[in-house]
Amino acid sequence: LSILYHLLKFCFDFSLRLVSLRNNFVRSSKMASVRLFTLFSFVFLISISVAESNVLEPHVAESFNVSLIQRLGNTCSYTVIISTSCSSTRYTRDQISVAFGDGYGNQIYAPRLDDPSTKTFEQCSSDTFEINGPCTYQICYVYLYRSGPDGWIPESVKIYSHGSKAVTFSYNTHVPESVWYGFNYCNSASDSNVLAIGLRRIVLILLGFIVAGTTLLL
């Protein structure tokens, strides 16, 4: 009887151990699946965030060509304020041009805004220009063109017009020589797109906390 008792007890304990191992395996598999899914989602949202950041950063306009800019007569006036960074040289001999427009093909081009005789684009200064050109809707892109030896550094470009609200483009970086360099917000300028970008970044932060918490629990 003693042997039978111990045999039955062994079988019972072994069955409990199998059930426990099975439950632990199922739990571990579920947790691993959740963590893997969360990790993939986190990586996916990071890639989206990086792509959006690249769009909102100044960049070289590879296909931009001022010869394609419309010349429909000087029908509207624009006030353009260009601020020079305090990291720029004290004065510059660089030749500076600007082009800007909306998302509907209306474009304004102003060549050679520089003028060393009037101390234009000096370090830590702001210069205001009145520029005439075709009327536009909301201004959503701007490009600067620089050529010269001094490496002028803009801080920002602010544009006022009667047909749209003022818009500011923040540079704070060196403009490469002999290329059009700037911003194009025309595909992401709507309030709904800006809100969507903000929501995606909030989700990204929350997923980061979830991944960190899941890793600690496992």
N, C-alpha and C. Protein backbone atom coordinates (compact mmCIF):
# COMPACT_ATOMS: atom_id res chain seq x y z
N LEU A 1 0.83 -1.21 0.00
CA LEU A 1 0.00 0.00 0.00
C LEU A 1 0.86 1.26 0.00
N SER A 2 1.95 1.20 0.75
CA SER A 2 2.84 2.36 0.80
C SER A 2 3.42 2.65 -0.57
N ILE A 3 3.80 1.58 -1.27
CA ILE A 3 4.37 1.77 -2.62
C ILE A 3 3.32 2.34 -3.56
N LEU A 4 2.08 1.82 -3.46
CA LEU A 4 1.00 2.32 -4.31
C LEU A 4 0.70 3.78 -4.03
N TYR A 5 0.73 4.13 -2.73
CA TYR A 5 0.48 5.52 -2.34
C TYR A 5 1.53 6.46 -2.95
N HIS A 6 2.81 6.07 -2.81
CA HIS A 6 3.88 6.91 -3.34
C HIS A 6 3.83 6.99 -4.87
N LEU A 7 3.41 5.88 -5.50
CA LEU A 7 3.31 5.89 -6.96
C LEU A 7 2.20 6.83 -7.43
N LEU A 8 1.04 6.75 -6.73
CA LEU A 8 -0.06 7.65 -7.07
C LEU A 8 0.32 9.10 -6.81
N LYS A 9 1.02 9.34 -5.70
CA LYS A 9 1.45 10.71 -5.37
C LYS A 9 2.41 11.24 -6.43
N PHE A 10 3.32 10.35 -6.88
CA PHE A 10 4.28 10.76 -7.92
C PHE A 10 3.55 11.12 -9.22
N CYS A 11 2.57 10.29 -9.59
CA CYS A 11 1.81 10.56 -10.81
C CYS A 11 1.03 11.87 -10.70
N PHE A 12 0.44 12.09 -9.51
CA PHE A 12 -0.32 13.32 -9.30
C PHE A 12 0.59 14.56 -9.37
N ASP A 13 1.74 14.47 -8.68
CA ASP A 13 2.69 15.60 -8.71
C ASP A 13 3.21 15.84 -10.12
N PHE A 14 3.46 14.75 -10.84
CA PHE A 14 3.97 14.88 -12.21
C PHE A 14 2.93 15.55 -13.11
N SER A 15 1.64 15.18 -12.90
CA SER A 15 0.57 15.80 -13.69
C SER A 15 0.47 17.29 -13.39
N LEU A 16 0.57 17.64 -12.10
CA LEU A 16 0.53 19.06 -11.73
C LEU A 16 1.69 19.83 -12.35
N ARG A 17 2.87 19.20 -12.37
CA ARG A 17 4.04 19.85 -12.95
C ARG A 17 3.85 20.08 -14.45
N LEU A 18 3.27 19.06 -15.13
CA LEU A 18 3.02 19.21 -16.57
C LEU A 18 2.04 20.35 -16.84
N VAL A 19 0.98 20.42 -16.02
CA VAL A 19 0.00 21.50 -16.19
C VAL A 19 0.65 22.85 -15.95
N SER A 20 1.50 22.92 -14.91
CA SER A 20 2.19 24.17 -14.60
C SER A 20 3.13 24.58 -15.72
N LEU A 21 3.87 23.60 -16.25
CA LEU A 21 4.79 23.90 -17.36
C LEU A 21 4.02 24.37 -18.59
N ARG A 22 2.88 23.71 -18.84
CA ARG A 22 2.06 24.11 -20.00
C ARG A 22 1.55 25.54 -19.83
N ASN A 23 1.05 25.86 -18.62
CA ASN A 23 0.55 27.22 -18.38
C ASN A 23 1.66 28.26 -18.51
N ASN A 24 2.84 27.92 -17.97
CA ASN A 24 3.96 28.85 -18.08
C ASN A 24 4.38 29.04 -19.54
N PHE A 25 4.34 27.95 -20.31
CA PHE A 25 4.71 28.04 -21.72
C PHE A 25 3.72 28.91 -22.48
N VAL A 26 2.42 28.70 -22.21
CA VAL A 26 1.39 29.50 -22.89
C VAL A 26 1.54 30.97 -22.51
N ARG A 27 1.76 31.22 -21.20
CA ARG A 27 1.91 32.60 -20.74
C ARG A 27 3.14 33.24 -21.38
N SER A 28 4.26 32.50 -21.41
CA SER A 28 5.48 33.05 -22.00
C SER A 28 5.31 33.31 -23.48
N SER A 29 4.60 32.41 -24.17
CA SER A 29 4.37 32.59 -25.61
C SER A 29 3.53 33.83 -25.87
N LYS A 30 2.49 34.02 -25.05
CA LYS A 30 1.64 35.20 -25.22
C LYS A 30 2.42 36.47 -24.94
N MET A 31 3.22 36.47 -23.87
CA MET A 31 3.99 37.66 -23.54
C MET A 31 5.03 37.95 -24.61
N ALA A 32 5.64 36.88 -25.15
CA ALA A 32 6.63 37.07 -26.21
C ALA A 32 5.97 37.64 -27.46
N SER A 33 4.76 37.15 -27.77
CA SER A 33 4.05 37.65 -28.94
C SER A 33 3.67 39.12 -28.77
N VAL A 34 3.20 39.46 -27.55
CA VAL A 34 2.84 40.85 -27.28
C VAL A 34 4.07 41.75 -27.40
N ARG A 35 5.18 41.30 -26.81
CA ARG A 35 6.39 42.12 -26.86
C ARG A 35 6.91 42.26 -28.29
N LEU A 36 6.84 41.17 -29.07
CA LEU A 36 7.30 41.22 -30.45
C LEU A 36 6.44 42.17 -31.28
N PHE A 37 5.11 42.08 -31.09
CA PHE A 37 4.20 42.97 -31.80
C PHE A 37 4.45 44.42 -31.43
N THR A 38 4.62 44.67 -30.12
CA THR A 38 4.88 46.03 -29.66
C THR A 38 6.19 46.56 -30.22
N LEU A 39 7.20 45.70 -30.26
CA LEU A 39 8.50 46.11 -30.77
C LEU A 39 8.42 46.48 -32.25
N PHE A 40 7.72 45.64 -33.04
CA PHE A 40 7.56 45.94 -34.47
C PHE A 40 6.79 47.24 -34.67
N SER A 41 5.74 47.45 -33.87
CA SER A 41 4.97 48.69 -33.97
C SER A 41 5.83 49.90 -33.63
N PHE A 42 6.66 49.73 -32.61
CA PHE A 42 7.55 50.81 -32.19
C PHE A 42 8.54 51.17 -33.30
N VAL A 43 9.14 50.16 -33.91
CA VAL A 43 10.09 50.39 -35.01
C VAL A 43 9.39 51.04 -36.20
N PHE A 44 8.17 50.59 -36.50
CA PHE A 44 7.42 51.15 -37.62
C PHE A 44 7.12 52.63 -37.40
N LEU A 45 6.68 52.98 -36.19
CA LEU A 45 6.37 54.37 -35.91
C LEU A 45 7.62 55.23 -35.88
N ILE A 46 8.74 54.66 -35.45
CA ILE A 46 10.00 55.40 -35.49
C ILE A 46 10.36 55.75 -36.92
N SER A 47 10.19 54.78 -37.83
CA SER A 47 10.52 55.04 -39.24
C SER A 47 9.62 56.13 -39.81
N ILE A 48 8.33 56.14 -39.42
CA ILE A 48 7.43 57.20 -39.87
C ILE A 48 7.87 58.55 -39.33
N SER A 49 8.23 58.57 -38.03
CA SER A 49 8.65 59.81 -37.41
C SER A 49 9.91 60.37 -38.05
N VAL A 50 10.86 59.48 -38.38
CA VAL A 50 12.10 59.92 -39.03
C VAL A 50 11.79 60.50 -40.40
N ALA A 51 10.89 59.83 -41.15
CA ALA A 51 10.53 60.34 -42.48
C ALA A 51 9.88 61.71 -42.38
N GLU A 52 8.99 61.89 -41.38
CA GLU A 52 8.34 63.19 -41.21
C GLU A 52 9.35 64.26 -40.82
N SER A 53 10.30 63.89 -39.96
CA SER A 53 11.32 64.85 -39.54
C SER A 53 12.16 65.30 -40.72
N ASN A 54 12.47 64.35 -41.62
CA ASN A 54 13.25 64.70 -42.79
C ASN A 54 12.51 65.68 -43.68
N VAL A 55 11.18 65.51 -43.78
CA VAL A 55 10.38 66.43 -44.59
C VAL A 55 10.42 67.83 -44.01
N LEU A 56 10.41 67.95 -42.68
CA LEU A 56 10.34 69.24 -42.02
C LEU A 56 11.70 69.89 -41.83
N GLU A 57 12.78 69.22 -42.19
CA GLU A 57 14.12 69.78 -42.09
C GLU A 57 14.49 70.45 -43.41
N PRO A 58 15.39 71.48 -43.36
CA PRO A 58 15.84 72.07 -44.63
C PRO A 58 16.58 71.04 -45.47
N HIS A 59 16.42 71.14 -46.78
CA HIS A 59 17.00 70.14 -47.67
C HIS A 59 17.35 70.79 -49.01
N VAL A 60 18.17 70.11 -49.77
CA VAL A 60 18.51 70.57 -51.12
C VAL A 60 17.36 70.25 -52.06
N ALA A 61 16.93 71.25 -52.83
CA ALA A 61 15.85 71.04 -53.81
C ALA A 61 16.49 70.60 -55.12
N GLU A 62 16.55 69.30 -55.32
CA GLU A 62 17.27 68.74 -56.46
C GLU A 62 16.67 69.19 -57.80
N SER A 63 15.34 69.22 -57.89
CA SER A 63 14.70 69.49 -59.18
C SER A 63 14.18 70.92 -59.31
N PHE A 64 14.50 71.78 -58.35
CA PHE A 64 13.98 73.15 -58.39
C PHE A 64 14.71 73.95 -59.46
N ASN A 65 13.94 74.66 -60.29
CA ASN A 65 14.53 75.40 -61.41
C ASN A 65 13.82 76.75 -61.52
N VAL A 66 14.57 77.84 -61.33
CA VAL A 66 13.94 79.16 -61.36
C VAL A 66 13.47 79.53 -62.76
N SER A 67 13.97 78.86 -63.78
CA SER A 67 13.52 79.17 -65.14
C SER A 67 12.06 78.78 -65.34
N LEU A 68 11.54 77.92 -64.43
CA LEU A 68 10.15 77.50 -64.53
C LEU A 68 9.21 78.41 -63.75
N ILE A 69 9.77 79.38 -63.03
CA ILE A 69 8.95 80.26 -62.20
C ILE A 69 8.09 81.16 -63.08
N GLN A 70 6.84 81.28 -62.71
CA GLN A 70 5.91 82.09 -63.49
C GLN A 70 6.28 83.57 -63.42
N ARG A 71 6.08 84.25 -64.51
CA ARG A 71 6.29 85.70 -64.55
C ARG A 71 5.02 86.33 -65.13
N LEU A 72 4.02 86.48 -64.26
CA LEU A 72 2.70 86.93 -64.70
C LEU A 72 2.46 88.41 -64.40
N GLY A 73 3.52 89.13 -64.09
CA GLY A 73 3.34 90.54 -63.75
C GLY A 73 3.42 90.75 -62.25
N ASN A 74 3.83 91.94 -61.86
CA ASN A 74 3.97 92.26 -60.44
C ASN A 74 2.63 92.69 -59.88
N THR A 75 1.87 91.71 -59.40
CA THR A 75 0.50 92.01 -58.97
C THR A 75 0.31 91.99 -57.46
N CYS A 76 1.25 91.40 -56.71
CA CYS A 76 1.13 91.35 -55.26
C CYS A 76 2.47 91.69 -54.62
N SER A 77 2.39 92.21 -53.39
CA SER A 77 3.60 92.61 -52.67
C SER A 77 3.82 91.69 -51.47
N TYR A 78 5.07 91.35 -51.23
CA TYR A 78 5.44 90.46 -50.12
C TYR A 78 6.54 91.12 -49.29
N THR A 79 6.40 90.99 -47.99
CA THR A 79 7.46 91.45 -47.09
C THR A 79 8.22 90.22 -46.61
N VAL A 80 9.51 90.20 -46.90
CA VAL A 80 10.36 89.06 -46.54
C VAL A 80 11.42 89.54 -45.56
N ILE A 81 11.43 88.94 -44.37
CA ILE A 81 12.43 89.28 -43.36
C ILE A 81 13.39 88.10 -43.21
N ILE A 82 14.65 88.34 -43.54
CA ILE A 82 15.67 87.30 -43.44
C ILE A 82 16.61 87.66 -42.29
N SER A 83 16.67 86.78 -41.31
CA SER A 83 17.55 86.99 -40.15
C SER A 83 18.82 86.17 -40.32
N THR A 84 19.94 86.79 -40.02
CA THR A 84 21.24 86.13 -40.13
C THR A 84 21.66 85.61 -38.76
N SER A 85 22.16 84.39 -38.72
CA SER A 85 22.56 83.76 -37.47
C SER A 85 23.76 84.47 -36.85
N CYS A 86 23.82 84.43 -35.53
CA CYS A 86 24.99 84.97 -34.83
C CYS A 86 26.21 84.06 -35.01
N SER A 87 26.00 82.87 -35.58
CA SER A 87 27.11 81.97 -35.89
C SER A 87 27.70 82.26 -37.26
N SER A 88 27.07 83.15 -38.01
CA SER A 88 27.57 83.50 -39.34
C SER A 88 28.77 84.43 -39.22
N THR A 89 29.43 84.68 -40.35
CA THR A 89 30.55 85.62 -40.35
C THR A 89 30.04 87.04 -40.07
N ARG A 90 30.95 87.92 -39.63
CA ARG A 90 30.54 89.28 -39.23
C ARG A 90 29.87 90.01 -40.38
N TYR A 91 30.37 89.83 -41.57
CA TYR A 91 29.71 90.33 -42.78
C TYR A 91 29.96 89.30 -43.88
N THR A 92 29.24 89.41 -44.97
CA THR A 92 29.38 88.41 -46.02
C THR A 92 29.48 89.04 -47.40
N ARG A 93 30.26 88.38 -48.23
CA ARG A 93 30.34 88.75 -49.65
C ARG A 93 29.54 87.77 -50.51
N ASP A 94 28.87 86.82 -49.85
CA ASP A 94 28.09 85.83 -50.58
C ASP A 94 26.93 86.48 -51.33
N GLN A 95 26.58 85.89 -52.45
CA GLN A 95 25.43 86.33 -53.22
C GLN A 95 24.22 85.49 -52.81
N ILE A 96 23.16 86.17 -52.38
CA ILE A 96 21.99 85.49 -51.81
C ILE A 96 20.75 85.77 -52.65
N SER A 97 20.03 84.71 -53.01
CA SER A 97 18.75 84.83 -53.71
C SER A 97 17.70 84.03 -52.95
N VAL A 98 16.43 84.37 -53.18
CA VAL A 98 15.34 83.66 -52.50
C VAL A 98 14.23 83.36 -53.50
N ALA A 99 13.58 82.23 -53.29
CA ALA A 99 12.40 81.86 -54.08
C ALA A 99 11.39 81.23 -53.13
N PHE A 100 10.11 81.56 -53.32
CA PHE A 100 9.08 80.99 -52.45
C PHE A 100 7.76 80.94 -53.22
N GLY A 101 6.78 80.22 -52.65
CA GLY A 101 5.50 80.11 -53.34
C GLY A 101 4.52 79.25 -52.59
N ASP A 102 3.41 78.91 -53.27
CA ASP A 102 2.36 78.10 -52.66
C ASP A 102 2.33 76.71 -53.30
N GLY A 103 1.30 75.95 -52.98
CA GLY A 103 1.20 74.60 -53.51
C GLY A 103 0.46 74.51 -54.83
N TYR A 104 0.20 75.66 -55.47
CA TYR A 104 -0.59 75.68 -56.71
C TYR A 104 0.20 76.24 -57.89
N GLY A 105 1.51 76.26 -57.77
CA GLY A 105 2.34 76.70 -58.89
C GLY A 105 2.62 78.18 -58.94
N ASN A 106 2.15 78.95 -57.97
CA ASN A 106 2.44 80.39 -57.92
C ASN A 106 3.77 80.60 -57.21
N GLN A 107 4.73 81.20 -57.90
CA GLN A 107 6.10 81.28 -57.39
C GLN A 107 6.67 82.68 -57.54
N ILE A 108 7.50 83.06 -56.59
CA ILE A 108 8.15 84.37 -56.60
C ILE A 108 9.65 84.15 -56.48
N TYR A 109 10.40 84.87 -57.28
CA TYR A 109 11.86 84.74 -57.30
C TYR A 109 12.49 86.12 -57.18
N ALA A 110 13.42 86.26 -56.24
CA ALA A 110 14.12 87.53 -56.05
C ALA A 110 15.62 87.27 -56.05
N PRO A 111 16.30 87.59 -57.15
CA PRO A 111 17.75 87.34 -57.23
C PRO A 111 18.56 88.44 -56.54
N ARG A 112 19.72 88.06 -56.06
CA ARG A 112 20.73 88.99 -55.54
C ARG A 112 20.16 90.01 -54.54
N LEU A 113 19.75 89.49 -53.39
CA LEU A 113 19.30 90.38 -52.32
C LEU A 113 20.48 91.00 -51.57
N ASP A 114 21.66 90.45 -51.75
CA ASP A 114 22.84 90.91 -51.02
C ASP A 114 23.29 92.28 -51.53
N ASP A 115 23.86 93.05 -50.60
CA ASP A 115 24.41 94.36 -50.94
C ASP A 115 25.39 94.77 -49.85
N PRO A 116 26.66 94.43 -50.01
CA PRO A 116 27.65 94.73 -48.96
C PRO A 116 27.73 96.20 -48.60
N SER A 117 27.39 97.08 -49.54
CA SER A 117 27.48 98.52 -49.26
C SER A 117 26.45 98.97 -48.23
N THR A 118 25.36 98.20 -48.07
CA THR A 118 24.34 98.55 -47.08
C THR A 118 24.36 97.60 -45.88
N LYS A 119 25.43 96.84 -45.75
CA LYS A 119 25.63 95.92 -44.62
C LYS A 119 24.53 94.87 -44.53
N THR A 120 24.09 94.39 -45.68
CA THR A 120 23.06 93.35 -45.72
C THR A 120 23.63 92.02 -45.24
N PHE A 121 22.83 91.28 -44.49
CA PHE A 121 23.16 89.94 -44.02
C PHE A 121 24.39 89.92 -43.10
N GLU A 122 24.50 90.95 -42.26
CA GLU A 122 25.56 90.94 -41.26
C GLU A 122 25.17 90.02 -40.10
N GLN A 123 26.16 89.63 -39.35
CA GLN A 123 25.97 88.74 -38.21
C GLN A 123 24.94 89.30 -37.23
N CYS A 124 24.02 88.44 -36.75
CA CYS A 124 23.01 88.79 -35.74
C CYS A 124 22.07 89.92 -36.20
N SER A 125 21.82 90.02 -37.49
CA SER A 125 20.97 91.11 -37.99
C SER A 125 19.75 90.54 -38.72
N SER A 126 18.77 91.43 -38.95
CA SER A 126 17.59 91.07 -39.74
C SER A 126 17.42 92.10 -40.85
N ASP A 127 17.16 91.62 -42.05
CA ASP A 127 17.00 92.50 -43.21
C ASP A 127 15.61 92.30 -43.80
N THR A 128 14.95 93.41 -44.12
CA THR A 128 13.59 93.37 -44.65
C THR A 128 13.58 93.77 -46.12
N PHE A 129 12.88 92.97 -46.92
CA PHE A 129 12.80 93.21 -48.36
C PHE A 129 11.34 93.26 -48.79
N GLU A 130 11.01 94.21 -49.65
CA GLU A 130 9.69 94.27 -50.27
C GLU A 130 9.82 93.69 -51.67
N ILE A 131 9.13 92.59 -51.91
CA ILE A 131 9.27 91.86 -53.17
C ILE A 131 7.91 91.76 -53.85
N ASN A 132 7.87 92.07 -55.13
CA ASN A 132 6.63 91.96 -55.90
C ASN A 132 6.66 90.72 -56.78
N GLY A 133 5.47 90.14 -56.98
CA GLY A 133 5.39 88.96 -57.82
C GLY A 133 3.96 88.48 -57.93
N PRO A 134 3.76 87.33 -58.56
CA PRO A 134 2.40 86.78 -58.72
C PRO A 134 1.73 86.58 -57.37
N CYS A 135 0.42 86.77 -57.33
CA CYS A 135 -0.32 86.53 -56.08
C CYS A 135 -0.38 85.03 -55.79
N THR A 136 -0.35 84.70 -54.51
CA THR A 136 -0.33 83.30 -54.11
C THR A 136 -1.43 83.02 -53.09
N TYR A 137 -1.63 81.73 -52.84
CA TYR A 137 -2.41 81.30 -51.69
C TYR A 137 -1.42 81.19 -50.52
N GLN A 138 -1.66 80.30 -49.57
CA GLN A 138 -0.77 80.19 -48.42
C GLN A 138 0.64 79.80 -48.85
N ILE A 139 1.62 80.63 -48.45
CA ILE A 139 3.02 80.31 -48.74
C ILE A 139 3.41 79.04 -47.98
N CYS A 140 3.97 78.07 -48.69
CA CYS A 140 4.30 76.81 -48.01
C CYS A 140 5.71 76.31 -48.35
N TYR A 141 6.46 77.05 -49.16
CA TYR A 141 7.85 76.64 -49.36
C TYR A 141 8.73 77.86 -49.58
N VAL A 142 9.99 77.71 -49.24
CA VAL A 142 10.98 78.75 -49.48
C VAL A 142 12.34 78.08 -49.71
N TYR A 143 13.09 78.65 -50.65
CA TYR A 143 14.45 78.16 -50.91
C TYR A 143 15.40 79.35 -51.00
N LEU A 144 16.57 79.18 -50.43
CA LEU A 144 17.64 80.17 -50.54
C LEU A 144 18.74 79.63 -51.44
N TYR A 145 19.37 80.55 -52.16
CA TYR A 145 20.50 80.19 -53.02
C TYR A 145 21.69 81.04 -52.62
N ARG A 146 22.80 80.39 -52.32
CA ARG A 146 24.00 81.11 -51.89
C ARG A 146 25.19 80.71 -52.75
N SER A 147 25.94 81.72 -53.17
CA SER A 147 27.22 81.45 -53.83
C SER A 147 28.23 82.47 -53.33
N GLY A 148 29.42 81.99 -53.01
CA GLY A 148 30.44 82.89 -52.48
C GLY A 148 31.33 82.18 -51.48
N PRO A 149 32.37 82.87 -50.99
CA PRO A 149 33.40 82.21 -50.17
C PRO A 149 33.15 82.25 -48.66
N ASP A 150 32.14 82.99 -48.19
CA ASP A 150 32.06 83.27 -46.76
C ASP A 150 31.22 82.28 -45.95
N GLY A 151 30.37 81.52 -46.60
CA GLY A 151 29.56 80.54 -45.87
C GLY A 151 28.51 81.17 -44.98
N TRP A 152 27.76 82.11 -45.54
CA TRP A 152 26.70 82.80 -44.79
C TRP A 152 25.71 81.80 -44.19
N ILE A 153 25.28 82.06 -42.94
CA ILE A 153 24.36 81.16 -42.22
C ILE A 153 23.08 81.93 -41.86
N PRO A 154 21.94 81.58 -42.44
CA PRO A 154 20.68 82.24 -42.07
C PRO A 154 20.12 81.64 -40.79
N GLU A 155 19.39 82.47 -40.06
CA GLU A 155 18.67 81.97 -38.88
C GLU A 155 17.23 81.62 -39.25
N SER A 156 16.56 82.52 -39.97
CA SER A 156 15.17 82.26 -40.35
C SER A 156 14.77 83.15 -41.52
N VAL A 157 13.67 82.74 -42.16
CA VAL A 157 13.05 83.54 -43.22
C VAL A 157 11.57 83.67 -42.87
N LYS A 158 11.08 84.90 -42.75
CA LYS A 158 9.67 85.14 -42.43
C LYS A 158 9.04 85.91 -43.58
N ILE A 159 7.87 85.43 -44.04
CA ILE A 159 7.23 86.02 -45.22
C ILE A 159 5.81 86.46 -44.87
N TYR A 160 5.51 87.73 -45.18
CA TYR A 160 4.18 88.29 -45.00
C TYR A 160 3.58 88.57 -46.37
N SER A 161 2.28 88.29 -46.49
CA SER A 161 1.58 88.66 -47.73
C SER A 161 0.12 88.94 -47.39
N HIS A 162 -0.58 89.61 -48.30
CA HIS A 162 -1.98 89.96 -48.06
C HIS A 162 -2.90 88.75 -48.19
N GLY A 163 -2.49 87.76 -48.98
CA GLY A 163 -3.37 86.64 -49.25
C GLY A 163 -3.22 85.46 -48.31
N SER A 164 -2.25 85.50 -47.40
CA SER A 164 -2.04 84.37 -46.50
C SER A 164 -1.42 84.86 -45.21
N LYS A 165 -1.48 84.02 -44.18
CA LYS A 165 -0.90 84.40 -42.90
C LYS A 165 0.62 84.33 -42.97
N ALA A 166 1.27 85.07 -42.09
CA ALA A 166 2.74 85.08 -42.06
C ALA A 166 3.26 83.68 -41.75
N VAL A 167 4.36 83.32 -42.38
CA VAL A 167 4.95 82.00 -42.16
C VAL A 167 6.44 82.17 -41.93
N THR A 168 6.97 81.40 -40.99
CA THR A 168 8.39 81.47 -40.65
C THR A 168 9.06 80.13 -40.92
N PHE A 169 10.20 80.18 -41.58
CA PHE A 169 11.00 78.98 -41.85
C PHE A 169 12.32 79.14 -41.09
N SER A 170 12.58 78.23 -40.17
CA SER A 170 13.78 78.33 -39.32
C SER A 170 14.92 77.50 -39.91
N TYR A 171 16.01 78.15 -40.21
CA TYR A 171 17.18 77.48 -40.78
C TYR A 171 18.19 77.11 -39.68
N ASN A 172 18.90 78.12 -39.17
CA ASN A 172 19.94 77.90 -38.16
C ASN A 172 20.96 76.85 -38.61
N THR A 173 21.29 76.89 -39.88
CA THR A 173 22.26 75.93 -40.40
C THR A 173 22.92 76.50 -41.64
N HIS A 174 24.06 75.97 -41.96
CA HIS A 174 24.82 76.40 -43.13
C HIS A 174 24.07 76.08 -44.42
N VAL A 175 24.04 77.01 -45.36
CA VAL A 175 23.42 76.78 -46.66
C VAL A 175 24.49 76.33 -47.64
N PRO A 176 24.36 75.14 -48.21
CA PRO A 176 25.36 74.67 -49.18
C PRO A 176 25.49 75.64 -50.36
N GLU A 177 26.65 75.65 -50.96
CA GLU A 177 26.91 76.61 -52.04
C GLU A 177 26.33 76.12 -53.36
N SER A 178 25.76 77.08 -54.11
CA SER A 178 25.31 76.88 -55.49
C SER A 178 24.22 75.83 -55.63
N VAL A 179 23.36 75.72 -54.61
CA VAL A 179 22.17 74.87 -54.71
C VAL A 179 21.01 75.61 -54.05
N TRP A 180 19.79 75.28 -54.46
CA TRP A 180 18.61 75.80 -53.78
C TRP A 180 18.38 74.96 -52.53
N TYR A 181 18.27 75.63 -51.38
CA TYR A 181 18.25 74.93 -50.09
C TYR A 181 17.16 75.53 -49.22
N GLY A 182 16.25 74.69 -48.72
CA GLY A 182 15.19 75.24 -47.89
C GLY A 182 14.13 74.23 -47.50
N PHE A 183 12.88 74.69 -47.47
CA PHE A 183 11.77 73.91 -46.93
C PHE A 183 10.64 73.82 -47.94
N ASN A 184 9.91 72.71 -47.87
CA ASN A 184 8.69 72.56 -48.65
C ASN A 184 7.64 71.89 -47.77
N TYR A 185 6.72 72.70 -47.24
CA TYR A 185 5.66 72.20 -46.37
C TYR A 185 4.35 72.00 -47.13
N CYS A 186 4.38 72.10 -48.44
CA CYS A 186 3.13 72.13 -49.21
C CYS A 186 2.32 70.85 -49.06
N ASN A 187 2.96 69.72 -48.81
CA ASN A 187 2.24 68.46 -48.66
C ASN A 187 1.91 68.14 -47.21
N SER A 188 2.32 69.01 -46.28
CA SER A 188 2.06 68.73 -44.86
C SER A 188 1.64 69.98 -44.12
N ALA A 189 1.09 70.95 -44.85
CA ALA A 189 0.80 72.23 -44.22
C ALA A 189 -0.60 72.31 -43.62
N SER A 190 -1.48 71.36 -43.94
CA SER A 190 -2.85 71.46 -43.43
C SER A 190 -2.90 71.15 -41.95
N ASP A 191 -3.89 71.71 -41.26
CA ASP A 191 -4.03 71.48 -39.82
C ASP A 191 -4.25 70.00 -39.51
N SER A 192 -5.00 69.30 -40.39
CA SER A 192 -5.27 67.88 -40.13
C SER A 192 -4.00 67.06 -40.20
N ASN A 193 -3.12 67.39 -41.15
CA ASN A 193 -1.86 66.65 -41.25
C ASN A 193 -0.96 66.94 -40.06
N VAL A 194 -0.93 68.20 -39.63
CA VAL A 194 -0.12 68.54 -38.46
C VAL A 194 -0.63 67.80 -37.23
N LEU A 195 -1.98 67.74 -37.07
CA LEU A 195 -2.57 67.02 -35.95
C LEU A 195 -2.24 65.54 -36.01
N ALA A 196 -2.30 64.96 -37.22
CA ALA A 196 -1.99 63.54 -37.38
C ALA A 196 -0.55 63.25 -36.99
N ILE A 197 0.36 64.13 -37.39
CA ILE A 197 1.77 63.95 -37.03
C ILE A 197 1.93 63.99 -35.51
N GLY A 198 1.24 64.95 -34.87
CA GLY A 198 1.33 65.05 -33.41
C GLY A 198 0.79 63.82 -32.72
N LEU A 199 -0.34 63.29 -33.19
CA LEU A 199 -0.92 62.09 -32.59
C LEU A 199 -0.01 60.88 -32.76
N ARG A 200 0.59 60.75 -33.95
CA ARG A 200 1.50 59.62 -34.17
C ARG A 200 2.70 59.69 -33.23
N ARG A 201 3.17 60.88 -32.97
CA ARG A 201 4.32 61.01 -32.07
C ARG A 201 3.94 60.70 -30.63
N ILE A 202 2.70 61.04 -30.23
CA ILE A 202 2.23 60.68 -28.89
C ILE A 202 2.13 59.17 -28.76
N VAL A 203 1.57 58.50 -29.78
CA VAL A 203 1.49 57.04 -29.78
C VAL A 203 2.88 56.43 -29.71
N LEU A 204 3.83 57.03 -30.41
CA LEU A 204 5.20 56.54 -30.40
C LEU A 204 5.78 56.58 -28.99
N ILE A 205 5.53 57.67 -28.27
CA ILE A 205 6.03 57.79 -26.90
C ILE A 205 5.38 56.74 -25.99
N LEU A 206 4.05 56.56 -26.14
CA LEU A 206 3.35 55.57 -25.32
C LEU A 206 3.87 54.16 -25.58
N LEU A 207 4.10 53.84 -26.85
CA LEU A 207 4.62 52.51 -27.18
C LEU A 207 6.02 52.31 -26.60
N GLY A 208 6.79 53.39 -26.55
CA GLY A 208 8.11 53.29 -25.93
C GLY A 208 8.01 52.89 -24.47
N PHE A 209 7.06 53.49 -23.75
CA PHE A 209 6.86 53.12 -22.35
C PHE A 209 6.38 51.67 -22.22
N ILE A 210 5.51 51.24 -23.15
CA ILE A 210 4.99 49.87 -23.10
C ILE A 210 6.12 48.87 -23.32
N VAL A 211 6.97 49.14 -24.32
CA VAL A 211 8.10 48.24 -24.59
C VAL A 211 9.02 48.16 -23.39
N ALA A 212 9.32 49.32 -22.79
CA ALA A 212 10.21 49.33 -21.62
C ALA A 212 9.59 48.55 -20.46
N GLY A 213 8.28 48.77 -20.22
CA GLY A 213 7.62 48.07 -19.12
C GLY A 213 7.54 46.57 -19.35
N THR A 214 7.24 46.17 -20.59
CA THR A 214 7.17 44.74 -20.92
C THR A 214 8.51 44.07 -20.73
N THR A 215 9.58 44.75 -21.14
CA THR A 215 10.92 44.19 -21.00
C THR A 215 11.27 43.98 -19.53
N LEU A 216 10.90 44.92 -18.68
CA LEU A 216 11.19 44.79 -17.26
C LEU A 216 10.39 43.64 -16.63
N LEU A 217 9.13 43.48 -17.05
CA LEU A 217 8.30 42.41 -16.49
C LEU A 217 8.78 41.03 -16.89
N LEU A 218 9.33 40.94 -18.11
CA LEU A 218 9.80 39.63 -18.58
C LEU A 218 11.23 39.37 -18.12
